[in-house]
Protein backbone atom coordinates (compact mmCIF):
# COMPACT_ATOMS: atom_id res chain seq x y z
CA UNK A 1 -64.64 30.94 18.44
CA UNK A 2 -66.10 33.35 16.08
CA UNK A 3 -69.48 32.30 14.77
CA UNK A 4 -68.92 30.86 10.96
CA UNK A 5 -70.75 33.51 9.53
CA UNK A 6 -71.55 37.05 10.49
CA UNK A 7 -75.14 37.65 12.12
CA UNK A 8 -75.77 40.12 9.56
CA UNK A 9 -75.17 37.86 6.80
CA UNK A 10 -76.50 34.22 7.87
CA UNK A 11 -79.96 34.35 7.02
CA UNK A 12 -79.26 35.62 3.47
CA UNK A 13 -76.20 33.42 3.21
CA UNK A 14 -78.08 30.17 4.32
CA UNK A 15 -81.26 31.08 1.86
CA UNK A 16 -78.87 31.74 -0.71
CA UNK A 17 -77.19 28.46 -0.57
CA UNK A 18 -80.77 26.60 0.10
CA UNK A 19 -81.83 27.99 -3.18
CA UNK A 20 -78.53 27.12 -4.96
CA UNK A 21 -78.24 23.66 -4.07
CA UNK A 22 -81.92 23.06 -5.12
CA UNK A 23 -81.44 24.52 -8.34
CA UNK A 24 -78.06 22.80 -9.08
CA UNK A 25 -79.15 19.49 -7.57
CA UNK A 26 -82.92 19.38 -7.77
CA UNK A 27 -84.79 16.39 -6.64
CA UNK A 28 -85.48 14.00 -9.42
CA UNK A 29 -89.33 14.85 -9.39
CA UNK A 30 -91.23 17.57 -8.15
CA UNK A 31 -92.29 16.80 -3.85
CA UNK A 32 -89.50 13.94 -3.51
CA UNK A 33 -86.03 14.27 -1.98
CA UNK A 34 -83.61 15.58 -3.45
CA UNK A 35 -81.13 12.95 -4.70
CA UNK A 36 -77.53 12.46 -4.42
CA UNK A 37 -75.73 16.02 -5.29
CA UNK A 38 -73.81 16.26 -8.80
CA UNK A 39 -72.89 20.39 -8.57
CA UNK A 40 -71.13 21.38 -5.62
CA UNK A 41 -70.82 25.08 -4.94
CA UNK A 42 -69.07 27.80 -2.59
CA UNK A 43 -70.54 31.22 -1.90
CA UNK A 44 -68.21 33.83 0.23
CA UNK A 45 -68.89 37.01 1.22
CA UNK A 46 -66.65 39.99 2.26
CA UNK A 47 -66.33 43.17 3.08
CA UNK A 48 -64.42 45.72 0.99
CA UNK A 49 -62.13 48.56 2.07
CA UNK A 50 -60.60 46.88 5.25
CA UNK A 51 -57.07 47.89 4.02
CA UNK A 52 -56.27 44.63 5.16
CA UNK A 53 -57.51 45.14 8.74
CA UNK A 54 -60.64 43.55 10.61
CA UNK A 55 -61.82 42.06 7.23
CA UNK A 56 -64.22 38.89 7.78
CA UNK A 57 -64.54 36.37 5.34
CA UNK A 58 -67.92 34.29 5.21
CA UNK A 59 -68.36 31.68 3.33
CA UNK A 60 -71.32 28.79 2.82
CA UNK A 61 -71.08 25.70 0.96
CA UNK A 62 -72.99 22.50 0.19
CA UNK A 63 -70.02 20.60 0.09
CA UNK A 64 -67.68 18.95 2.99
CA UNK A 65 -65.22 21.32 4.35
CA UNK A 66 -62.38 18.99 2.85
CA UNK A 67 -63.38 19.75 -0.75
CA UNK A 68 -63.35 23.11 0.12
CA UNK A 69 -60.25 23.24 0.94
CA UNK A 70 -58.98 21.20 -2.22
CA UNK A 71 -61.42 24.28 -4.23
CA UNK A 72 -59.22 26.71 -2.48
CA UNK A 73 -56.11 25.16 -3.28
CA UNK A 74 -57.13 24.91 -6.64
CA UNK A 75 -58.10 28.74 -6.92
CA UNK A 76 -54.76 29.92 -5.59
CA UNK A 77 -53.18 27.86 -7.74
CA UNK A 78 -55.09 29.31 -10.87
CA UNK A 79 -54.76 33.27 -9.43
CA UNK A 80 -50.60 32.28 -9.31
CA UNK A 81 -50.58 30.93 -12.88
CA UNK A 82 -49.92 27.23 -12.03
CA UNK A 83 -53.01 24.94 -12.48
CA UNK A 84 -53.45 21.94 -10.63
CA UNK A 85 -54.32 18.77 -12.74
CA UNK A 86 -55.92 16.94 -9.95
CA UNK A 87 -58.40 17.09 -7.04
CA UNK A 88 -61.88 16.55 -5.67
CA UNK A 89 -63.33 19.93 -5.88
């Protein structure tokens, strides 16, 4: 099985995810652990110009995989003009 994130993107994506999570879900007071997450994010990285071949989709999120799957289904429905009215993402 391939690695979840390509090696050349791994450090930058993890650094960005940590920064995004800290900004969207900061600690209640500086120096304290972060509380319950209120905002989720999904960062996707992919190569341009693959002509439909050999492209790799890398993503990182602060959400559970199930929530990401719901998000992707909702995005697909919106792109197709059929926005869903329910979901967790």
